[in-house]
Amino acid sequence: MNSKSSLDRELTIYLEKKYSKVFLSPEEVERETLVNPNIVPSTSDKHNTWLLRDVVEFLNRPFYPKEIRQMGRREKKAYVIRATTETLRGFWNKTNPSESPIVMEEASLNTAQEAA
C-alpha cells in the first residue's frame, strides 16, 4: 500500500478476477460498494452500467488525501483499518444495532467481566 495507484491496482485485479468483465451491473456495483448504485459516478458509455475503474475509485476515494501519501507504511495501514472499521460500524448500526458483530462482542465481554 505505497500509493493511490497500488491501492487501485490491487482492487482492480481483485474485481477483474471476480467478475471477468469490464462493465458491472447495478446489482454488482451495490454488492461491492454497499450503497445505492446511483451514488457511484459512472463513466461508462453503456446505459445503467459502471466500469470497474468507477467502482475502484469510489471505494478507494477515502484513501486519496495528501496526508496519507506522507504517512509511513504502518501509519497508512492503521489509517485504512480505522477508516474501514468506522465505515463498517456505520453500516452495522444502520441495519440492526443488536446484531452487529461489534455489539455482540462487546456484550459478551461485558458479561464475562461481570461474571469475574
PDB file of N, CA and C in Angstrom:
ATOM      1  N   MET A   1       0.831  -1.186   0.000  1.00  0.00           N
ATOM      2  CA  MET A   1       0.000   0.000   0.000  1.00  0.00           C
ATOM      3  C   MET A   1       0.872   1.244   0.000  1.00  0.00           C
ATOM      4  N   ASN A   2       1.632   1.380  -1.014  1.00  0.00           N
ATOM      5  CA  ASN A   2       2.539   2.508  -1.063  1.00  0.00           C
ATOM      6  C   ASN A   2       1.915   3.755  -1.654  1.00  0.00           C
ATOM      7  N   SER A   3       0.921   3.594  -2.510  1.00  0.00           N
ATOM      8  CA  SER A   3       0.379   4.768  -3.172  1.00  0.00           C
ATOM      9  C   SER A   3      -1.056   4.525  -3.595  1.00  0.00           C
ATOM     10  N   LYS A   4      -1.646   5.593  -4.081  1.00  0.00           N
ATOM     11  CA  LYS A   4      -3.001   5.520  -4.612  1.00  0.00           C
ATOM     12  C   LYS A   4      -3.062   4.504  -5.743  1.00  0.00           C
ATOM     13  N   SER A   5      -2.075   4.521  -6.601  1.00  0.00           N
ATOM     14  CA  SER A   5      -2.097   3.617  -7.750  1.00  0.00           C
ATOM     15  C   SER A   5      -1.985   2.153  -7.335  1.00  0.00           C
ATOM     16  N   SER A   6      -1.218   1.859  -6.296  1.00  0.00           N
ATOM     17  CA  SER A   6      -1.120   0.460  -5.874  1.00  0.00           C
ATOM     18  C   SER A   6      -2.411  -0.009  -5.225  1.00  0.00           C
ATOM     19  N   LEU A   7      -3.085   0.875  -4.487  1.00  0.00           N
ATOM     20  CA  LEU A   7      -4.403   0.522  -3.941  1.00  0.00           C
ATOM     21  C   LEU A   7      -5.376   0.242  -5.078  1.00  0.00           C
ATOM     22  N   ASP A   8      -5.390   1.114  -6.061  1.00  0.00           N
ATOM     23  CA  ASP A   8      -6.277   0.939  -7.204  1.00  0.00           C
ATOM     24  C   ASP A   8      -5.953  -0.345  -7.962  1.00  0.00           C
ATOM     25  N   ARG A   9      -4.687  -0.609  -8.169  1.00  0.00           N
ATOM     26  CA  ARG A   9      -4.261  -1.784  -8.923  1.00  0.00           C
ATOM     27  C   ARG A   9      -4.701  -3.073  -8.222  1.00  0.00           C
ATOM     28  N   GLU A  10      -4.495  -3.131  -6.900  1.00  0.00           N
ATOM     29  CA  GLU A  10      -4.870  -4.331  -6.149  1.00  0.00           C
ATOM     30  C   GLU A  10      -6.370  -4.585  -6.224  1.00  0.00           C
ATOM     31  N   LEU A  11      -7.160  -3.556  -6.046  1.00  0.00           N
ATOM     32  CA  LEU A  11      -8.611  -3.717  -6.091  1.00  0.00           C
ATOM     33  C   LEU A  11      -9.091  -4.027  -7.502  1.00  0.00           C
ATOM     34  N   THR A  12      -8.485  -3.418  -8.510  1.00  0.00           N
ATOM     35  CA  THR A  12      -8.860  -3.689  -9.894  1.00  0.00           C
ATOM     36  C   THR A  12      -8.579  -5.148 -10.250  1.00  0.00           C
ATOM     37  N   ILE A  13      -7.432  -5.653  -9.857  1.00  0.00           N
ATOM     38  CA  ILE A  13      -7.092  -7.056 -10.123  1.00  0.00           C
ATOM     39  C   ILE A  13      -8.091  -7.982  -9.436  1.00  0.00           C
ATOM     40  N   TYR A  14      -8.433  -7.670  -8.203  1.00  0.00           N
ATOM     41  CA  TYR A  14      -9.411  -8.478  -7.467  1.00  0.00           C
ATOM     42  C   TYR A  14     -10.765  -8.504  -8.186  1.00  0.00           C
ATOM     43  N   LEU A  15     -11.250  -7.336  -8.599  1.00  0.00           N
ATOM     44  CA  LEU A  15     -12.548  -7.264  -9.267  1.00  0.00           C
ATOM     45  C   LEU A  15     -12.520  -7.921 -10.646  1.00  0.00           C
ATOM     46  N   GLU A  16     -11.401  -7.797 -11.363  1.00  0.00           N
ATOM     47  CA  GLU A  16     -11.287  -8.451 -12.665  1.00  0.00           C
ATOM     48  C   GLU A  16     -11.365  -9.963 -12.518  1.00  0.00           C
ATOM     49  N   LYS A  17     -10.703 -10.504 -11.504  1.00  0.00           N
ATOM     50  CA  LYS A  17     -10.761 -11.946 -11.266  1.00  0.00           C
ATOM     51  C   LYS A  17     -12.164 -12.373 -10.844  1.00  0.00           C
ATOM     52  N   LYS A  18     -12.809 -11.559 -10.038  1.00  0.00           N
ATOM     53  CA  LYS A  18     -14.124 -11.908  -9.513  1.00  0.00           C
ATOM     54  C   LYS A  18     -15.203 -11.887 -10.588  1.00  0.00           C
ATOM     55  N   TYR A  19     -15.188 -10.870 -11.449  1.00  0.00           N
ATOM     56  CA  TYR A  19     -16.270 -10.707 -12.430  1.00  0.00           C
ATOM     57  C   TYR A  19     -15.892 -11.077 -13.859  1.00  0.00           C
ATOM     58  N   SER A  20     -14.642 -11.120 -14.189  1.00  0.00           N
ATOM     59  CA  SER A  20     -14.163 -11.454 -15.546  1.00  0.00           C
ATOM     60  C   SER A  20     -14.804 -10.588 -16.628  1.00  0.00           C
ATOM     61  N   LYS A  21     -15.041  -9.323 -16.313  1.00  0.00           N
ATOM     62  CA  LYS A  21     -15.578  -8.384 -17.297  1.00  0.00           C
ATOM     63  C   LYS A  21     -15.259  -6.963 -16.863  1.00  0.00           C
ATOM     64  N   VAL A  22     -15.466  -6.023 -17.773  1.00  0.00           N
ATOM     65  CA  VAL A  22     -15.133  -4.628 -17.505  1.00  0.00           C
ATOM     66  C   VAL A  22     -16.342  -3.841 -17.001  1.00  0.00           C
ATOM     67  N   PHE A  23     -17.523  -4.168 -17.510  1.00  0.00           N
ATOM     68  CA  PHE A  23     -18.740  -3.449 -17.135  1.00  0.00           C
ATOM     69  C   PHE A  23     -19.480  -4.193 -16.029  1.00  0.00           C
ATOM     70  N   LEU A  24     -19.939  -3.450 -15.039  1.00  0.00           N
ATOM     71  CA  LEU A  24     -20.678  -4.053 -13.931  1.00  0.00           C
ATOM     72  C   LEU A  24     -22.133  -3.585 -13.950  1.00  0.00           C
ATOM     73  N   SER A  25     -23.023  -4.469 -13.546  1.00  0.00           N
ATOM     74  CA  SER A  25     -24.448  -4.148 -13.464  1.00  0.00           C
ATOM     75  C   SER A  25     -24.729  -3.415 -12.151  1.00  0.00           C
ATOM     76  N   PRO A  26     -25.911  -2.822 -12.018  1.00  0.00           N
ATOM     77  CA  PRO A  26     -26.251  -2.137 -10.761  1.00  0.00           C
ATOM     78  C   PRO A  26     -26.179  -3.062  -9.542  1.00  0.00           C
ATOM     79  N   GLU A  27     -26.602  -4.310  -9.712  1.00  0.00           N
ATOM     80  CA  GLU A  27     -26.554  -5.261  -8.595  1.00  0.00           C
ATOM     81  C   GLU A  27     -25.118  -5.544  -8.160  1.00  0.00           C
ATOM     82  N   GLU A  28     -24.226  -5.682  -9.127  1.00  0.00           N
ATOM     83  CA  GLU A  28     -22.821  -5.946  -8.809  1.00  0.00           C
ATOM     84  C   GLU A  28     -22.175  -4.733  -8.146  1.00  0.00           C
ATOM     85  N   VAL A  29     -22.519  -3.544  -8.616  1.00  0.00           N
ATOM     86  CA  VAL A  29     -21.980  -2.318  -8.011  1.00  0.00           C
ATOM     87  C   VAL A  29     -22.462  -2.200  -6.570  1.00  0.00           C
ATOM     88  N   GLU A  30     -23.736  -2.472  -6.347  1.00  0.00           N
ATOM     89  CA  GLU A  30     -24.280  -2.399  -4.986  1.00  0.00           C
ATOM     90  C   GLU A  30     -23.631  -3.439  -4.084  1.00  0.00           C
ATOM     91  N   ARG A  31     -23.386  -4.628  -4.607  1.00  0.00           N
ATOM     92  CA  ARG A  31     -22.740  -5.689  -3.833  1.00  0.00           C
ATOM     93  C   ARG A  31     -21.325  -5.282  -3.404  1.00  0.00           C
ATOM     94  N   GLU A  32     -20.607  -4.598  -4.274  1.00  0.00           N
ATOM     95  CA  GLU A  32     -19.223  -4.216  -3.975  1.00  0.00           C
ATOM     96  C   GLU A  32     -19.124  -2.958  -3.114  1.00  0.00           C
ATOM     97  N   THR A  33     -20.030  -2.012  -3.306  1.00  0.00           N
ATOM     98  CA  THR A  33     -19.906  -0.728  -2.603  1.00  0.00           C
ATOM     99  C   THR A  33     -20.805  -0.614  -1.378  1.00  0.00           C
ATOM    100  N   LEU A  34     -21.833  -1.460  -1.295  1.00  0.00           N
ATOM    101  CA  LEU A  34     -22.801  -1.430  -0.196  1.00  0.00           C
ATOM    102  C   LEU A  34     -23.607  -0.137  -0.147  1.00  0.00           C
ATOM    103  N   VAL A  35     -23.719   0.542  -1.282  1.00  0.00           N
ATOM    104  CA  VAL A  35     -24.540   1.752  -1.386  1.00  0.00           C
ATOM    105  C   VAL A  35     -25.395   1.647  -2.642  1.00  0.00           C
ATOM    106  N   ASN A  36     -26.364   2.529  -2.751  1.00  0.00           N
ATOM    107  CA  ASN A  36     -27.198   2.604  -3.938  1.00  0.00           C
ATOM    108  C   ASN A  36     -26.293   2.891  -5.138  1.00  0.00           C
ATOM    109  N   PRO A  37     -26.397   2.123  -6.206  1.00  0.00           N
ATOM    110  CA  PRO A  37     -25.514   2.327  -7.368  1.00  0.00           C
ATOM    111  C   PRO A  37     -25.594   3.729  -7.967  1.00  0.00           C
ATOM    112  N   ASN A  38     -26.721   4.413  -7.794  1.00  0.00           N
ATOM    113  CA  ASN A  38     -26.845   5.760  -8.354  1.00  0.00           C
ATOM    114  C   ASN A  38     -25.891   6.750  -7.692  1.00  0.00           C
ATOM    115  N   ILE A  39     -25.382   6.423  -6.529  1.00  0.00           N
ATOM    116  CA  ILE A  39     -24.431   7.295  -5.828  1.00  0.00           C
ATOM    117  C   ILE A  39     -23.038   7.193  -6.454  1.00  0.00           C
ATOM    118  N   VAL A  40     -22.741   6.051  -7.049  1.00  0.00           N
ATOM    119  CA  VAL A  40     -21.422   5.817  -7.649  1.00  0.00           C
ATOM    120  C   VAL A  40     -21.382   6.468  -9.028  1.00  0.00           C
ATOM    121  N   PRO A  41     -20.475   7.427  -9.255  1.00  0.00           N
ATOM    122  CA  PRO A  41     -20.380   8.071 -10.569  1.00  0.00           C
ATOM    123  C   PRO A  41     -19.942   7.067 -11.644  1.00  0.00           C
ATOM    124  N   SER A  42     -20.590   7.104 -12.789  1.00  0.00           N
ATOM    125  CA  SER A  42     -20.275   6.178 -13.869  1.00  0.00           C
ATOM    126  C   SER A  42     -19.683   6.934 -15.057  1.00  0.00           C
ATOM    127  N   THR A  43     -18.612   6.382 -15.628  1.00  0.00           N
ATOM    128  CA  THR A  43     -18.022   6.940 -16.838  1.00  0.00           C
ATOM    129  C   THR A  43     -18.281   6.027 -18.029  1.00  0.00           C
ATOM    130  N   SER A  44     -19.139   5.049 -17.851  1.00  0.00           N
ATOM    131  CA  SER A  44     -19.457   4.086 -18.897  1.00  0.00           C
ATOM    132  C   SER A  44     -20.341   4.710 -19.969  1.00  0.00           C
ATOM    133  N   ASP A  45     -20.107   4.296 -21.214  1.00  0.00           N
ATOM    134  CA  ASP A  45     -20.942   4.749 -22.321  1.00  0.00           C
ATOM    135  C   ASP A  45     -22.258   3.980 -22.388  1.00  0.00           C
ATOM    136  N   LYS A  46     -22.273   2.780 -21.833  1.00  0.00           N
ATOM    137  CA  LYS A  46     -23.479   1.961 -21.836  1.00  0.00           C
ATOM    138  C   LYS A  46     -24.411   2.406 -20.716  1.00  0.00           C
ATOM    139  N   HIS A  47     -25.681   2.420 -21.013  1.00  0.00           N
ATOM    140  CA  HIS A  47     -26.687   2.841 -20.034  1.00  0.00           C
ATOM    141  C   HIS A  47     -26.774   1.827 -18.886  1.00  0.00           C
ATOM    142  N   ASN A  48     -26.818   2.337 -17.676  1.00  0.00           N
ATOM    143  CA  ASN A  48     -27.024   1.545 -16.469  1.00  0.00           C
ATOM    144  C   ASN A  48     -25.904   0.531 -16.217  1.00  0.00           C
ATOM    145  N   THR A  49     -24.675   0.890 -16.557  1.00  0.00           N
ATOM    146  CA  THR A  49     -23.512   0.056 -16.255  1.00  0.00           C
ATOM    147  C   THR A  49     -22.404   0.938 -15.683  1.00  0.00           C
ATOM    148  N   TRP A  50     -21.462   0.306 -15.024  1.00  0.00           N
ATOM    149  CA  TRP A  50     -20.322   1.000 -14.435  1.00  0.00           C
ATOM    150  C   TRP A  50     -19.059   0.264 -14.846  1.00  0.00           C
ATOM    151  N   LEU A  51     -18.006   1.014 -15.059  1.00  0.00           N
ATOM    152  CA  LEU A  51     -16.707   0.414 -15.319  1.00  0.00           C
ATOM    153  C   LEU A  51     -16.096  -0.036 -14.001  1.00  0.00           C
ATOM    154  N   LEU A  52     -15.222  -1.030 -14.069  1.00  0.00           N
ATOM    155  CA  LEU A  52     -14.504  -1.459 -12.861  1.00  0.00           C
ATOM    156  C   LEU A  52     -13.786  -0.278 -12.222  1.00  0.00           C
ATOM    157  N   ARG A  53     -13.219   0.563 -13.060  1.00  0.00           N
ATOM    158  CA  ARG A  53     -12.475   1.727 -12.581  1.00  0.00           C
ATOM    159  C   ARG A  53     -13.360   2.660 -11.743  1.00  0.00           C
ATOM    160  N   ASP A  54     -14.637   2.800 -12.136  1.00  0.00           N
ATOM    161  CA  ASP A  54     -15.557   3.649 -11.375  1.00  0.00           C
ATOM    162  C   ASP A  54     -15.731   3.126  -9.948  1.00  0.00           C
ATOM    163  N   VAL A  55     -15.901   1.827  -9.829  1.00  0.00           N
ATOM    164  CA  VAL A  55     -16.089   1.206  -8.517  1.00  0.00           C
ATOM    165  C   VAL A  55     -14.813   1.318  -7.688  1.00  0.00           C
ATOM    166  N   VAL A  56     -13.672   1.081  -8.324  1.00  0.00           N
ATOM    167  CA  VAL A  56     -12.385   1.169  -7.627  1.00  0.00           C
ATOM    168  C   VAL A  56     -12.166   2.575  -7.087  1.00  0.00           C
ATOM    169  N   GLU A  57     -12.404   3.574  -7.902  1.00  0.00           N
ATOM    170  CA  GLU A  57     -12.216   4.956  -7.449  1.00  0.00           C
ATOM    171  C   GLU A  57     -13.194   5.328  -6.344  1.00  0.00           C
ATOM    172  N   PHE A  58     -14.420   4.839  -6.436  1.00  0.00           N
ATOM    173  CA  PHE A  58     -15.405   5.124  -5.392  1.00  0.00           C
ATOM    174  C   PHE A  58     -14.987   4.493  -4.068  1.00  0.00           C
ATOM    175  N   LEU A  59     -14.509   3.254  -4.108  1.00  0.00           N
ATOM    176  CA  LEU A  59     -14.126   2.554  -2.879  1.00  0.00           C
ATOM    177  C   LEU A  59     -12.848   3.117  -2.259  1.00  0.00           C
ATOM    178  N   ASN A  60     -11.908   3.520  -3.089  1.00  0.00           N
ATOM    179  CA  ASN A  60     -10.619   3.996  -2.580  1.00  0.00           C
ATOM    180  C   ASN A  60     -10.572   5.491  -2.327  1.00  0.00           C
ATOM    181  N   ARG A  61     -11.626   6.211  -2.658  1.00  0.00           N
ATOM    182  CA  ARG A  61     -11.636   7.673  -2.506  1.00  0.00           C
ATOM    183  C   ARG A  61     -11.235   8.149  -1.104  1.00  0.00           C
ATOM    184  N   PRO A  62     -11.671   7.497  -0.025  1.00  0.00           N
ATOM    185  CA  PRO A  62     -11.257   7.988   1.305  1.00  0.00           C
ATOM    186  C   PRO A  62      -9.746   7.892   1.549  1.00  0.00           C
ATOM    187  N   PHE A  63      -9.047   7.111   0.730  1.00  0.00           N
ATOM    188  CA  PHE A  63      -7.624   6.894   0.956  1.00  0.00           C
ATOM    189  C   PHE A  63      -6.730   7.684   0.008  1.00  0.00           C
ATOM    190  N   TYR A  64      -7.274   8.709  -0.661  1.00  0.00           N
ATOM    191  CA  TYR A  64      -6.506   9.504  -1.607  1.00  0.00           C
ATOM    192  C   TYR A  64      -5.887  10.790  -1.054  1.00  0.00           C
ATOM    193  N   PRO A  65      -6.291  11.313   0.091  1.00  0.00           N
ATOM    194  CA  PRO A  65      -5.799  12.629   0.509  1.00  0.00           C
ATOM    195  C   PRO A  65      -4.274  12.724   0.590  1.00  0.00           C
ATOM    196  N   LYS A  66      -3.785  13.961   0.496  1.00  0.00           N
ATOM    197  CA  LYS A  66      -2.341  14.216   0.538  1.00  0.00           C
ATOM    198  C   LYS A  66      -1.702  13.702   1.814  1.00  0.00           C
ATOM    199  N   GLU A  67      -2.404  13.849   2.933  1.00  0.00           N
ATOM    200  CA  GLU A  67      -1.820  13.456   4.216  1.00  0.00           C
ATOM    201  C   GLU A  67      -1.437  11.983   4.219  1.00  0.00           C
ATOM    202  N   ILE A  68      -2.216  11.156   3.553  1.00  0.00           N
ATOM    203  CA  ILE A  68      -1.936   9.719   3.536  1.00  0.00           C
ATOM    204  C   ILE A  68      -0.658   9.431   2.767  1.00  0.00           C
ATOM    205  N   ARG A  69      -0.421  10.172   1.693  1.00  0.00           N
ATOM    206  CA  ARG A  69       0.797   9.953   0.913  1.00  0.00           C
ATOM    207  C   ARG A  69       2.046  10.237   1.730  1.00  0.00           C
ATOM    208  N   GLN A  70       1.922  11.098   2.735  1.00  0.00           N
ATOM    209  CA  GLN A  70       3.082  11.466   3.528  1.00  0.00           C
ATOM    210  C   GLN A  70       3.269  10.560   4.740  1.00  0.00           C
ATOM    211  N   MET A  71       2.331   9.658   4.984  1.00  0.00           N
ATOM    212  CA  MET A  71       2.427   8.767   6.140  1.00  0.00           C
ATOM    213  C   MET A  71       3.390   7.616   5.860  1.00  0.00           C
ATOM    214  N   GLY A  72       3.894   7.051   6.942  1.00  0.00           N
ATOM    215  CA  GLY A  72       4.707   5.854   6.832  1.00  0.00           C
ATOM    216  C   GLY A  72       3.820   4.652   6.573  1.00  0.00           C
ATOM    217  N   ARG A  73       4.430   3.532   6.289  1.00  0.00           N
ATOM    218  CA  ARG A  73       3.679   2.321   5.943  1.00  0.00           C
ATOM    219  C   ARG A  73       2.743   1.881   7.071  1.00  0.00           C
ATOM    220  N   ARG A  74       3.233   1.841   8.296  1.00  0.00           N
ATOM    221  CA  ARG A  74       2.389   1.421   9.431  1.00  0.00           C
ATOM    222  C   ARG A  74       1.259   2.398   9.675  1.00  0.00           C
ATOM    223  N   GLU A  75       1.547   3.679   9.551  1.00  0.00           N
ATOM    224  CA  GLU A  75       0.507   4.695   9.746  1.00  0.00           C
ATOM    225  C   GLU A  75      -0.590   4.540   8.700  1.00  0.00           C
ATOM    226  N   LYS A  76      -0.199   4.262   7.449  1.00  0.00           N
ATOM    227  CA  LYS A  76      -1.181   4.063   6.387  1.00  0.00           C
ATOM    228  C   LYS A  76      -2.080   2.870   6.698  1.00  0.00           C
ATOM    229  N   LYS A  77      -1.457   1.775   7.103  1.00  0.00           N
ATOM    230  CA  LYS A  77      -2.239   0.582   7.417  1.00  0.00           C
ATOM    231  C   LYS A  77      -3.207   0.862   8.558  1.00  0.00           C
ATOM    232  N   ALA A  78      -2.738   1.530   9.591  1.00  0.00           N
ATOM    233  CA  ALA A  78      -3.602   1.861  10.731  1.00  0.00           C
ATOM    234  C   ALA A  78      -4.739   2.773  10.281  1.00  0.00           C
ATOM    235  N   TYR A  79      -4.457   3.726   9.423  1.00  0.00           N
ATOM    236  CA  TYR A  79      -5.489   4.640   8.922  1.00  0.00           C
ATOM    237  C   TYR A  79      -6.551   3.879   8.135  1.00  0.00           C
ATOM    238  N   VAL A  80      -6.107   2.991   7.250  1.00  0.00           N
ATOM    239  CA  VAL A  80      -7.039   2.218   6.428  1.00  0.00           C
ATOM    240  C   VAL A  80      -7.899   1.321   7.308  1.00  0.00           C
ATOM    241  N   ILE A  81      -7.293   0.670   8.283  1.00  0.00           N
ATOM    242  CA  ILE A  81      -8.048  -0.200   9.189  1.00  0.00           C
ATOM    243  C   ILE A  81      -9.053   0.611   9.990  1.00  0.00           C
ATOM    244  N   ARG A  82      -8.635   1.746  10.500  1.00  0.00           N
ATOM    245  CA  ARG A  82      -9.538   2.592  11.289  1.00  0.00           C
ATOM    246  C   ARG A  82     -10.702   3.101  10.439  1.00  0.00           C
ATOM    247  N   ALA A  83     -10.419   3.569   9.229  1.00  0.00           N
ATOM    248  CA  ALA A  83     -11.471   4.080   8.342  1.00  0.00           C
ATOM    249  C   ALA A  83     -12.445   2.969   7.953  1.00  0.00           C
ATOM    250  N   THR A  84     -11.924   1.795   7.664  1.00  0.00           N
ATOM    251  CA  THR A  84     -12.777   0.664   7.306  1.00  0.00           C
ATOM    252  C   THR A  84     -13.647   0.241   8.483  1.00  0.00           C
ATOM    253  N   THR A  85     -13.075   0.212   9.668  1.00  0.00           N
ATOM    254  CA  THR A  85     -13.824  -0.152  10.868  1.00  0.00           C
ATOM    255  C   THR A  85     -14.955   0.835  11.121  1.00  0.00           C
ATOM    256  N   GLU A  86     -14.671   2.121  10.993  1.00  0.00           N
ATOM    257  CA  GLU A  86     -15.711   3.135  11.199  1.00  0.00           C
ATOM    258  C   GLU A  86     -16.823   3.002  10.161  1.00  0.00           C
ATOM    259  N   THR A  87     -16.455   2.727   8.920  1.00  0.00           N
ATOM    260  CA  THR A  87     -17.456   2.550   7.871  1.00  0.00           C
ATOM    261  C   THR A  87     -18.332   1.341   8.164  1.00  0.00           C
ATOM    262  N   LEU A  88     -17.713   0.237   8.556  1.00  0.00           N
ATOM    263  CA  LEU A  88     -18.483  -0.964   8.872  1.00  0.00           C
ATOM    264  C   LEU A  88     -19.392  -0.746  10.072  1.00  0.00           C
ATOM    265  N   ARG A  89     -18.911  -0.049  11.068  1.00  0.00           N
ATOM    266  CA  ARG A  89     -19.768   0.259  12.228  1.00  0.00           C
ATOM    267  C   ARG A  89     -20.997   1.037  11.798  1.00  0.00           C
ATOM    268  N   GLY A  90     -20.803   1.983  10.899  1.00  0.00           N
ATOM    269  CA  GLY A  90     -21.933   2.756  10.389  1.00  0.00           C
ATOM    270  C   GLY A  90     -22.954   1.873   9.688  1.00  0.00           C
ATOM    271  N   PHE A  91     -22.476   0.945   8.862  1.00  0.00           N
ATOM    272  CA  PHE A  91     -23.390   0.034   8.172  1.00  0.00           C
ATOM    273  C   PHE A  91     -24.101  -0.877   9.161  1.00  0.00           C
ATOM    274  N   TRP A  92     -23.349  -1.408  10.125  1.00  0.00           N
ATOM    275  CA  TRP A  92     -23.951  -2.324  11.093  1.00  0.00           C
ATOM    276  C   TRP A  92     -24.992  -1.608  11.945  1.00  0.00           C
ATOM    277  N   ASN A  93     -24.711  -0.376  12.309  1.00  0.00           N
ATOM    278  CA  ASN A  93     -25.664   0.369  13.125  1.00  0.00           C
ATOM    279  C   ASN A  93     -26.924   0.720  12.346  1.00  0.00           C
ATOM    280  N   LYS A  94     -26.808   0.899  11.037  1.00  0.00           N
ATOM    281  CA  LYS A  94     -27.976   1.207  10.222  1.00  0.00           C
ATOM    282  C   LYS A  94     -28.880  -0.007  10.066  1.00  0.00           C
ATOM    283  N   THR A  95     -28.290  -1.196   9.937  1.00  0.00           N
ATOM    284  CA  THR A  95     -29.102  -2.388   9.695  1.00  0.00           C
ATOM    285  C   THR A  95     -29.849  -2.801  10.953  1.00  0.00           C
ATOM    286  N   ASN A  96     -29.135  -3.309  11.929  1.00  0.00           N
ATOM    287  CA  ASN A  96     -29.755  -3.704  13.182  1.00  0.00           C
ATOM    288  C   ASN A  96     -28.667  -3.674  14.251  1.00  0.00           C
ATOM    289  N   PRO A  97     -28.644  -2.655  15.073  1.00  0.00           N
ATOM    290  CA  PRO A  97     -27.550  -2.495  16.026  1.00  0.00           C
ATOM    291  C   PRO A  97     -27.334  -3.706  16.934  1.00  0.00           C
ATOM    292  N   SER A  98     -28.380  -4.416  17.298  1.00  0.00           N
ATOM    293  CA  SER A  98     -28.209  -5.533  18.223  1.00  0.00           C
ATOM    294  C   SER A  98     -27.559  -6.743  17.568  1.00  0.00           C
ATOM    295  N   GLU A  99     -27.573  -6.816  16.217  1.00  0.00           N
ATOM    296  CA  GLU A  99     -26.992  -7.954  15.528  1.00  0.00           C
ATOM    297  C   GLU A  99     -25.584  -7.696  15.010  1.00  0.00           C
ATOM    298  N   SER A 100     -25.058  -6.490  15.184  1.00  0.00           N
ATOM    299  CA  SER A 100     -23.728  -6.206  14.652  1.00  0.00           C
ATOM    300  C   SER A 100     -22.678  -6.976  15.451  1.00  0.00           C
ATOM    301  N   PRO A 101     -21.634  -7.447  14.776  1.00  0.00           N
ATOM    302  CA  PRO A 101     -20.592  -8.212  15.456  1.00  0.00           C
ATOM    303  C   PRO A 101     -19.920  -7.437  16.589  1.00  0.00           C
ATOM    304  N   ILE A 102     -19.785  -6.130  16.422  1.00  0.00           N
ATOM    305  CA  ILE A 102     -19.134  -5.332  17.461  1.00  0.00           C
ATOM    306  C   ILE A 102     -19.992  -5.286  18.704  1.00  0.00           C
ATOM    307  N   VAL A 103     -21.286  -5.076  18.534  1.00  0.00           N
ATOM    308  CA  VAL A 103     -22.184  -5.028  19.688  1.00  0.00           C
ATOM    309  C   VAL A 103     -22.222  -6.385  20.371  1.00  0.00           C
ATOM    310  N   MET A 104     -22.270  -7.469  19.579  1.00  0.00           N
ATOM    311  CA  MET A 104     -22.308  -8.810  20.162  1.00  0.00           C
ATOM    312  C   MET A 104     -21.019  -9.103  20.908  1.00  0.00           C
ATOM    313  N   GLU A 105     -19.886  -8.688  20.368  1.00  0.00           N
ATOM    314  CA  GLU A 105     -18.598  -8.913  21.025  1.00  0.00           C
ATOM    315  C   GLU A 105     -18.514  -8.113  22.320  1.00  0.00           C
ATOM    316  N   GLU A 106     -18.940  -6.844  22.286  1.00  0.00           N
ATOM    317  CA  GLU A 106     -18.918  -6.020  23.483  1.00  0.00           C
ATOM    318  C   GLU A 106     -19.834  -6.590  24.554  1.00  0.00           C
ATOM    319  N   ALA A 107     -20.991  -7.105  24.154  1.00  0.00           N
ATOM    320  CA  ALA A 107     -21.923  -7.684  25.110  1.00  0.00           C
ATOM    321  C   ALA A 107     -21.324  -8.921  25.772  1.00  0.00           C
ATOM    322  N   SER A 108     -20.646  -9.757  24.985  1.00  0.00           N
ATOM    323  CA  SER A 108     -20.034 -10.955  25.564  1.00  0.00           C
ATOM    324  C   SER A 108     -18.874 -10.586  26.479  1.00  0.00           C
ATOM    325  N   LEU A 109     -18.131  -9.530  26.145  1.00  0.00           N
ATOM    326  CA  LEU A 109     -17.050  -9.073  27.010  1.00  0.00           C
ATOM    327  C   LEU A 109     -17.592  -8.525  28.327  1.00  0.00           C
ATOM    328  N   ASN A 110     -18.687  -7.773  28.230  1.00  0.00           N
ATOM    329  CA  ASN A 110     -19.291  -7.205  29.446  1.00  0.00           C
ATOM    330  C   ASN A 110     -19.811  -8.291  30.365  1.00  0.00           C
ATOM    331  N   THR A 111     -20.441  -9.324  29.817  1.00  0.00           N
ATOM    332  CA  THR A 111     -20.946 -10.398  30.668  1.00  0.00           C
ATOM    333  C   THR A 111     -19.811 -11.196  31.263  1.00  0.00           C
ATOM    334  N   ALA A 112     -18.722 -11.361  30.525  1.00  0.00           N
ATOM    335  CA  ALA A 112     -17.560 -12.082  31.059  1.00  0.00           C
ATOM    336  C   ALA A 112     -16.904 -11.292  32.183  1.00  0.00           C
ATOM    337  N   GLN A 113     -16.861  -9.958  32.035  1.00  0.00           N
ATOM    338  CA  GLN A 113     -16.254  -9.130  33.082  1.00  0.00           C
ATOM    339  C   GLN A 113     -17.142  -9.101  34.321  1.00  0.00           C
ATOM    340  N   GLU A 114     -18.463  -9.094  34.127  1.00  0.00           N
ATOM    341  CA  GLU A 114     -19.364  -9.083  35.270  1.00  0.00           C
ATOM    342  C   GLU A 114     -19.311 -10.395  36.028  1.00  0.00           C
ATOM    343  N   ALA A 115     -19.089 -11.488  35.304  1.00  0.00           N
ATOM    344  CA  ALA A 115     -19.027 -12.801  35.946  1.00  0.00           C
ATOM    345  C   ALA A 115     -17.726 -12.948  36.751  1.00  0.00           C
ATOM    346  N   ALA A 116     -16.700 -12.245  36.342  1.00  0.00           N
ATOM    347  CA  ALA A 116     -15.398 -12.374  37.032  1.00  0.00           C
ATOM    348  C   ALA A 116     -15.326 -11.584  38.304  1.00  0.00           C
TER     349      ALA A 116
END
